[in-house]
């Protein structure tokens, strides 16, 4: 099972050099990675936090692959104009966003340890 779909990743990035099968392979790998890092399950595709983490980490992996393939050059020059791409910053932004969602999942209320105090001078003590 995977935590997100090809369509969800294509909303974030739209590569021309990668097929849907390539992106699906990336998603399968990143789903296992997210599940391992959070202690969650790759079958928990209904969990919004894991879903969003998978989308962002998959988008970062797709951007990295696009950079390696040459689809996203760091600098593009057409005629007299030149465009500077911020690929590394975009990859880092997606990785940071994924880390935020994974951290929220790990520390969500469903996984907190109950805490209570007992003994003298505690809550509800009357003198």
C-alpha atoms as a PDB file:
ATOM      1  CA  UNK A   1       0.000   0.000   0.000  1.00  0.00           C
ATOM      2  CA  UNK A   2       1.001   3.612  -0.466  1.00  0.00           C
ATOM      3  CA  UNK A   3       0.173   6.764   1.467  1.00  0.00           C
ATOM      4  CA  UNK A   4      -0.538   9.052  -1.501  1.00  0.00           C
ATOM      5  CA  UNK A   5      -1.384   8.904  -5.186  1.00  0.00           C
ATOM      6  CA  UNK A   6       0.377   9.926  -8.378  1.00  0.00           C
ATOM      7  CA  UNK A   7      -2.250  12.628  -8.966  1.00  0.00           C
ATOM      8  CA  UNK A   8      -1.612  14.174  -5.546  1.00  0.00           C
ATOM      9  CA  UNK A   9       2.121  14.376  -6.250  1.00  0.00           C
ATOM     10  CA  UNK A  10       1.520  15.785  -9.747  1.00  0.00           C
ATOM     11  CA  UNK A  11      -0.408  18.643  -8.135  1.00  0.00           C
ATOM     12  CA  UNK A  12       2.845  19.697  -6.435  1.00  0.00           C
ATOM     13  CA  UNK A  13       5.253  18.989  -9.315  1.00  0.00           C
ATOM     14  CA  UNK A  14       4.594  18.223 -12.964  1.00  0.00           C
ATOM     15  CA  UNK A  15       7.551  16.449 -14.558  1.00  0.00           C
ATOM     16  CA  UNK A  16       7.619  15.743 -18.269  1.00  0.00           C
ATOM     17  CA  UNK A  17      10.475  13.241 -18.117  1.00  0.00           C
ATOM     18  CA  UNK A  18       8.860  10.923 -15.549  1.00  0.00           C
ATOM     19  CA  UNK A  19       5.963   8.595 -16.290  1.00  0.00           C
ATOM     20  CA  UNK A  20       3.186   7.756 -13.850  1.00  0.00           C
ATOM     21  CA  UNK A  21       4.903   4.399 -13.226  1.00  0.00           C
ATOM     22  CA  UNK A  22       8.147   6.187 -12.272  1.00  0.00           C
ATOM     23  CA  UNK A  23       6.277   8.433  -9.846  1.00  0.00           C
ATOM     24  CA  UNK A  24       4.384   5.425  -8.438  1.00  0.00           C
ATOM     25  CA  UNK A  25       7.727   3.716  -7.709  1.00  0.00           C
ATOM     26  CA  UNK A  26       8.967   6.850  -5.948  1.00  0.00           C
ATOM     27  CA  UNK A  27       5.735   7.008  -3.910  1.00  0.00           C
ATOM     28  CA  UNK A  28       6.064   3.349  -2.874  1.00  0.00           C
ATOM     29  CA  UNK A  29       9.590   3.996  -1.611  1.00  0.00           C
ATOM     30  CA  UNK A  30       8.725   7.228   0.184  1.00  0.00           C
ATOM     31  CA  UNK A  31       5.622   5.654   1.760  1.00  0.00           C
ATOM     32  CA  UNK A  32       7.831   3.011   3.373  1.00  0.00           C
ATOM     33  CA  UNK A  33      10.227   5.739   4.486  1.00  0.00           C
ATOM     34  CA  UNK A  34       7.463   7.847   6.066  1.00  0.00           C
ATOM     35  CA  UNK A  35       5.993   4.777   7.788  1.00  0.00           C
ATOM     36  CA  UNK A  36       9.414   3.799   9.163  1.00  0.00           C
ATOM     37  CA  UNK A  37      10.236   7.293  10.413  1.00  0.00           C
ATOM     38  CA  UNK A  38       6.882   7.826  12.124  1.00  0.00           C
ATOM     39  CA  UNK A  39       6.186   4.340  13.389  1.00  0.00           C
ATOM     40  CA  UNK A  40       2.981   4.416  11.357  1.00  0.00           C
ATOM     41  CA  UNK A  41       1.776   2.038   8.708  1.00  0.00           C
ATOM     42  CA  UNK A  42       2.053   2.362   4.936  1.00  0.00           C
ATOM     43  CA  UNK A  43      -1.540   1.065   4.891  1.00  0.00           C
ATOM     44  CA  UNK A  44      -2.798   4.143   6.796  1.00  0.00           C
ATOM     45  CA  UNK A  45      -3.694   6.074   3.649  1.00  0.00           C
ATOM     46  CA  UNK A  46      -6.706   7.587   5.435  1.00  0.00           C
ATOM     47  CA  UNK A  47      -4.452   9.495   7.867  1.00  0.00           C
ATOM     48  CA  UNK A  48      -4.179  13.082   6.622  1.00  0.00           C
ATOM     49  CA  UNK A  49      -0.843  13.818   8.314  1.00  0.00           C
ATOM     50  CA  UNK A  50       0.878  10.758   6.832  1.00  0.00           C
ATOM     51  CA  UNK A  51      -0.758  11.477   3.477  1.00  0.00           C
ATOM     52  CA  UNK A  52       0.558  15.057   3.400  1.00  0.00           C
ATOM     53  CA  UNK A  53       4.017  13.948   4.558  1.00  0.00           C
ATOM     54  CA  UNK A  54       4.120  11.380   1.742  1.00  0.00           C
ATOM     55  CA  UNK A  55       3.028  13.959  -0.842  1.00  0.00           C
ATOM     56  CA  UNK A  56       5.763  16.413   0.159  1.00  0.00           C
ATOM     57  CA  UNK A  57       8.564  13.888   0.493  1.00  0.00           C
ATOM     58  CA  UNK A  58       7.550  12.336  -2.851  1.00  0.00           C
ATOM     59  CA  UNK A  59       7.503  15.773  -4.474  1.00  0.00           C
ATOM     60  CA  UNK A  60      11.029  16.397  -3.156  1.00  0.00           C
ATOM     61  CA  UNK A  61      12.179  13.050  -4.575  1.00  0.00           C
ATOM     62  CA  UNK A  62      10.568  13.831  -7.959  1.00  0.00           C
ATOM     63  CA  UNK A  63      12.241  17.266  -8.044  1.00  0.00           C
ATOM     64  CA  UNK A  64      15.568  15.626  -7.235  1.00  0.00           C
ATOM     65  CA  UNK A  65      15.034  13.145 -10.076  1.00  0.00           C
ATOM     66  CA  UNK A  66      14.093  15.980 -12.455  1.00  0.00           C
ATOM     67  CA  UNK A  67      17.301  17.808 -11.524  1.00  0.00           C
ATOM     68  CA  UNK A  68      19.376  14.688 -12.207  1.00  0.00           C
ATOM     69  CA  UNK A  69      17.611  14.096 -15.543  1.00  0.00           C
ATOM     70  CA  UNK A  70      18.379  17.661 -16.607  1.00  0.00           C
ATOM     71  CA  UNK A  71      14.711  18.653 -16.837  1.00  0.00           C
ATOM     72  CA  UNK A  72      15.240  21.330 -14.198  1.00  0.00           C
ATOM     73  CA  UNK A  73      18.451  23.140 -14.890  1.00  0.00           C
ATOM     74  CA  UNK A  74      19.800  25.509 -12.265  1.00  0.00           C
ATOM     75  CA  UNK A  75      20.014  28.273 -14.852  1.00  0.00           C
ATOM     76  CA  UNK A  76      18.204  28.646 -18.178  1.00  0.00           C
ATOM     77  CA  UNK A  77      19.299  31.169 -20.796  1.00  0.00           C
ATOM     78  CA  UNK A  78      17.041  31.972 -23.733  1.00  0.00           C
ATOM     79  CA  UNK A  79      18.266  34.756 -25.995  1.00  0.00           C
ATOM     80  CA  UNK A  80      19.130  37.787 -23.901  1.00  0.00           C
ATOM     81  CA  UNK A  81      17.103  36.674 -20.870  1.00  0.00           C
ATOM     82  CA  UNK A  82      18.238  34.345 -18.142  1.00  0.00           C
ATOM     83  CA  UNK A  83      16.194  32.514 -15.521  1.00  0.00           C
ATOM     84  CA  UNK A  84      17.575  31.179 -12.254  1.00  0.00           C
ATOM     85  CA  UNK A  85      15.744  28.161 -10.802  1.00  0.00           C
ATOM     86  CA  UNK A  86      15.675  27.533  -7.068  1.00  0.00           C
ATOM     87  CA  UNK A  87      15.497  23.746  -7.211  1.00  0.00           C
ATOM     88  CA  UNK A  88      17.486  23.079  -4.046  1.00  0.00           C
ATOM     89  CA  UNK A  89      15.340  25.504  -2.074  1.00  0.00           C
ATOM     90  CA  UNK A  90      12.152  23.901  -3.415  1.00  0.00           C
ATOM     91  CA  UNK A  91      13.406  20.428  -2.492  1.00  0.00           C
ATOM     92  CA  UNK A  92      14.350  21.622   0.994  1.00  0.00           C
ATOM     93  CA  UNK A  93      10.949  23.309   1.438  1.00  0.00           C
ATOM     94  CA  UNK A  94       9.132  20.066   0.581  1.00  0.00           C
ATOM     95  CA  UNK A  95      11.377  18.063   2.921  1.00  0.00           C
ATOM     96  CA  UNK A  96      10.818  20.561   5.746  1.00  0.00           C
ATOM     97  CA  UNK A  97       7.052  20.460   5.221  1.00  0.00           C
ATOM     98  CA  UNK A  98       7.107  16.644   5.276  1.00  0.00           C
ATOM     99  CA  UNK A  99       9.132  16.713   8.504  1.00  0.00           C
ATOM    100  CA  UNK A 100       6.538  19.002  10.095  1.00  0.00           C
ATOM    101  CA  UNK A 101       3.683  16.624   9.207  1.00  0.00           C
ATOM    102  CA  UNK A 102       5.627  13.583  10.434  1.00  0.00           C
ATOM    103  CA  UNK A 103       6.405  15.353  13.708  1.00  0.00           C
ATOM    104  CA  UNK A 104       2.727  16.269  14.131  1.00  0.00           C
ATOM    105  CA  UNK A 105       1.799  12.622  13.547  1.00  0.00           C
ATOM    106  CA  UNK A 106       4.353  11.333  16.075  1.00  0.00           C
ATOM    107  CA  UNK A 107       3.170  13.770  18.743  1.00  0.00           C
ATOM    108  CA  UNK A 108      -0.539  13.696  17.969  1.00  0.00           C
ATOM    109  CA  UNK A 109      -2.959  13.246  20.902  1.00  0.00           C
ATOM    110  CA  UNK A 110      -3.572   9.600  20.025  1.00  0.00           C
ATOM    111  CA  UNK A 111      -0.008   8.730  20.973  1.00  0.00           C
ATOM    112  CA  UNK A 112       0.457  10.699  24.182  1.00  0.00           C
ATOM    113  CA  UNK A 113       1.179   8.975  27.432  1.00  0.00           C
ATOM    114  CA  UNK A 114      -1.358   9.876  30.107  1.00  0.00           C
ATOM    115  CA  UNK A 115       0.116  11.830  32.977  1.00  0.00           C
ATOM    116  CA  UNK A 116      -1.169  12.133  36.483  1.00  0.00           C
ATOM    117  CA  UNK A 117       0.082  13.075  39.900  1.00  0.00           C
ATOM    118  CA  UNK A 118      -0.664  11.408  43.177  1.00  0.00           C
ATOM    119  CA  UNK A 119       0.452  11.905  46.700  1.00  0.00           C
ATOM    120  CA  UNK A 120       0.422  14.733  49.234  1.00  0.00           C
ATOM    121  CA  UNK A 121      -0.102  18.305  47.982  1.00  0.00           C
ATOM    122  CA  UNK A 122      -1.595  17.307  44.640  1.00  0.00           C
ATOM    123  CA  UNK A 123      -4.658  18.392  42.718  1.00  0.00           C
ATOM    124  CA  UNK A 124      -7.950  18.543  44.655  1.00  0.00           C
ATOM    125  CA  UNK A 125      -6.269  18.424  48.059  1.00  0.00           C
ATOM    126  CA  UNK A 126      -8.235  20.156  50.752  1.00  0.00           C
ATOM    127  CA  UNK A 127      -6.729  21.299  54.049  1.00  0.00           C
END
